[in-house]
C-alpha cells in the first residue's frame, strides 16, 4: 500500500478528500505464537484535507511535517504512475 504498484491503485480516490495526518514507516512485527510469524507493518492515519500539519514517525523519532506522501516521505502527496522504458 506504500510501495510499488499498490500506490497508484490504492491512493488516488482516498486522497481526493483526505490526507495522511500521521504515519509510522515500516517496522517488523512479531506475534507471540510458537512459530513466531513476522510481518512488515506501517501505520497510517487519515483526516480531512483542510486540517493542517502531519507527523511522520520512524522508529523512536518523529517529525512535524507539512504533508506526507503515500510513499511515507515528507513531501506533497504525488503518485508515480506506471512508467516503462526499454533499453536495448
C-alpha atoms as a PDB file:
ATOM      1  CA  UNK A   1       0.000   0.000   0.000  1.00  0.00           C
ATOM      2  CA  UNK A   2       3.022   2.332   0.296  1.00  0.00           C
ATOM      3  CA  UNK A   3       5.366   0.848  -2.316  1.00  0.00           C
ATOM      4  CA  UNK A   4       5.342  -0.085  -5.981  1.00  0.00           C
ATOM      5  CA  UNK A   5       2.204  -0.807  -7.987  1.00  0.00           C
ATOM      6  CA  UNK A   6      -0.106  -0.671  -4.977  1.00  0.00           C
ATOM      7  CA  UNK A   7       0.271   3.108  -4.565  1.00  0.00           C
ATOM      8  CA  UNK A   8      -1.383   4.269  -7.838  1.00  0.00           C
ATOM      9  CA  UNK A   9      -4.097   1.613  -7.444  1.00  0.00           C
ATOM     10  CA  UNK A  10      -4.960   2.352  -3.821  1.00  0.00           C
ATOM     11  CA  UNK A  11      -4.381   6.045  -3.021  1.00  0.00           C
ATOM     12  CA  UNK A  12      -5.880   8.370  -5.691  1.00  0.00           C
ATOM     13  CA  UNK A  13      -9.532   8.066  -4.570  1.00  0.00           C
ATOM     14  CA  UNK A  14      -8.610   8.321  -0.895  1.00  0.00           C
ATOM     15  CA  UNK A  15      -6.542  11.474  -1.431  1.00  0.00           C
ATOM     16  CA  UNK A  16      -9.402  13.260  -3.219  1.00  0.00           C
ATOM     17  CA  UNK A  17     -10.961  14.221   0.133  1.00  0.00           C
ATOM     18  CA  UNK A  18      -8.473  13.109   2.758  1.00  0.00           C
ATOM     19  CA  UNK A  19      -4.790  13.402   3.592  1.00  0.00           C
ATOM     20  CA  UNK A  20      -2.314  11.446   5.667  1.00  0.00           C
ATOM     21  CA  UNK A  21      -2.282  13.061   9.124  1.00  0.00           C
ATOM     22  CA  UNK A  22       0.252  10.694  10.689  1.00  0.00           C
ATOM     23  CA  UNK A  23       2.259   7.695   9.590  1.00  0.00           C
ATOM     24  CA  UNK A  24       4.806   5.297  11.012  1.00  0.00           C
ATOM     25  CA  UNK A  25       7.253   3.967   8.432  1.00  0.00           C
ATOM     26  CA  UNK A  26       7.692   0.219   8.016  1.00  0.00           C
ATOM     27  CA  UNK A  27       8.649  -1.892  11.000  1.00  0.00           C
ATOM     28  CA  UNK A  28       8.746  -5.608  11.716  1.00  0.00           C
ATOM     29  CA  UNK A  29       6.050  -7.030  13.985  1.00  0.00           C
ATOM     30  CA  UNK A  30       6.189 -10.477  15.544  1.00  0.00           C
ATOM     31  CA  UNK A  31       3.462 -12.326  17.373  1.00  0.00           C
ATOM     32  CA  UNK A  32       3.807 -14.473  20.472  1.00  0.00           C
ATOM     33  CA  UNK A  33       2.932 -17.764  18.776  1.00  0.00           C
ATOM     34  CA  UNK A  34       5.388 -20.635  18.964  1.00  0.00           C
ATOM     35  CA  UNK A  35       6.154 -20.365  15.237  1.00  0.00           C
ATOM     36  CA  UNK A  36       6.625 -16.588  15.727  1.00  0.00           C
ATOM     37  CA  UNK A  37       5.350 -15.290  12.400  1.00  0.00           C
ATOM     38  CA  UNK A  38       6.770 -11.898  11.392  1.00  0.00           C
ATOM     39  CA  UNK A  39       5.291  -9.298   9.071  1.00  0.00           C
ATOM     40  CA  UNK A  40       6.285  -5.811   7.937  1.00  0.00           C
ATOM     41  CA  UNK A  41       3.758  -3.163   9.045  1.00  0.00           C
ATOM     42  CA  UNK A  42       3.012   0.522   8.510  1.00  0.00           C
ATOM     43  CA  UNK A  43       0.558   2.649  10.474  1.00  0.00           C
ATOM     44  CA  UNK A  44      -1.324   5.402   8.645  1.00  0.00           C
ATOM     45  CA  UNK A  45      -3.913   7.840   9.987  1.00  0.00           C
ATOM     46  CA  UNK A  46      -6.161   9.903   7.710  1.00  0.00           C
ATOM     47  CA  UNK A  47      -8.028  13.176   8.207  1.00  0.00           C
ATOM     48  CA  UNK A  48      -9.927  15.709   6.064  1.00  0.00           C
ATOM     49  CA  UNK A  49      -7.691  17.677   3.685  1.00  0.00           C
ATOM     50  CA  UNK A  50      -8.421  21.026   5.375  1.00  0.00           C
ATOM     51  CA  UNK A  51      -6.663  20.026   8.639  1.00  0.00           C
ATOM     52  CA  UNK A  52      -3.072  21.269   8.567  1.00  0.00           C
ATOM     53  CA  UNK A  53       0.154  19.597   9.668  1.00  0.00           C
ATOM     54  CA  UNK A  54       1.242  15.984   9.884  1.00  0.00           C
ATOM     55  CA  UNK A  55       3.541  13.749  11.938  1.00  0.00           C
ATOM     56  CA  UNK A  56       5.895  11.195  10.444  1.00  0.00           C
ATOM     57  CA  UNK A  57       7.304   8.539  12.789  1.00  0.00           C
ATOM     58  CA  UNK A  58      10.411   6.493  12.034  1.00  0.00           C
ATOM     59  CA  UNK A  59      11.437   4.224  14.872  1.00  0.00           C
ATOM     60  CA  UNK A  60      11.558   6.322  18.057  1.00  0.00           C
ATOM     61  CA  UNK A  61      11.977   9.595  16.115  1.00  0.00           C
ATOM     62  CA  UNK A  62       9.134  11.726  14.774  1.00  0.00           C
ATOM     63  CA  UNK A  63       8.999  14.838  12.626  1.00  0.00           C
ATOM     64  CA  UNK A  64       6.348  17.527  12.321  1.00  0.00           C
ATOM     65  CA  UNK A  65       5.885  17.948   8.567  1.00  0.00           C
ATOM     66  CA  UNK A  66       3.505  19.876   6.334  1.00  0.00           C
ATOM     67  CA  UNK A  67       2.412  16.773   4.373  1.00  0.00           C
ATOM     68  CA  UNK A  68       3.141  13.074   3.864  1.00  0.00           C
ATOM     69  CA  UNK A  69       3.018  11.292   0.511  1.00  0.00           C
ATOM     70  CA  UNK A  70       1.597   7.765   0.062  1.00  0.00           C
ATOM     71  CA  UNK A  71       5.220   6.600  -0.080  1.00  0.00           C
ATOM     72  CA  UNK A  72       5.547   7.815   3.551  1.00  0.00           C
ATOM     73  CA  UNK A  73       8.045  10.557   2.822  1.00  0.00           C
ATOM     74  CA  UNK A  74       7.578  14.202   3.853  1.00  0.00           C
ATOM     75  CA  UNK A  75       6.577  15.741   0.515  1.00  0.00           C
ATOM     76  CA  UNK A  76       3.328  16.789  -1.158  1.00  0.00           C
ATOM     77  CA  UNK A  77       1.235  13.739  -1.992  1.00  0.00           C
ATOM     78  CA  UNK A  78       2.137  12.881  -5.573  1.00  0.00           C
ATOM     79  CA  UNK A  79       1.810   9.428  -7.078  1.00  0.00           C
ATOM     80  CA  UNK A  80       4.169   7.841  -9.595  1.00  0.00           C
ATOM     81  CA  UNK A  81       2.220   6.319 -12.444  1.00  0.00           C
ATOM     82  CA  UNK A  82       3.402   3.358 -14.436  1.00  0.00           C
ATOM     83  CA  UNK A  83       6.483   4.167 -16.484  1.00  0.00           C
ATOM     84  CA  UNK A  84       8.179   1.680 -18.757  1.00  0.00           C
ATOM     85  CA  UNK A  85      11.242   2.377 -20.828  1.00  0.00           C
ATOM     86  CA  UNK A  86      13.074  -0.369 -22.632  1.00  0.00           C
ATOM     87  CA  UNK A  87      16.805  -0.016 -23.140  1.00  0.00           C
ATOM     88  CA  UNK A  88      18.375  -2.056 -25.944  1.00  0.00           C
END
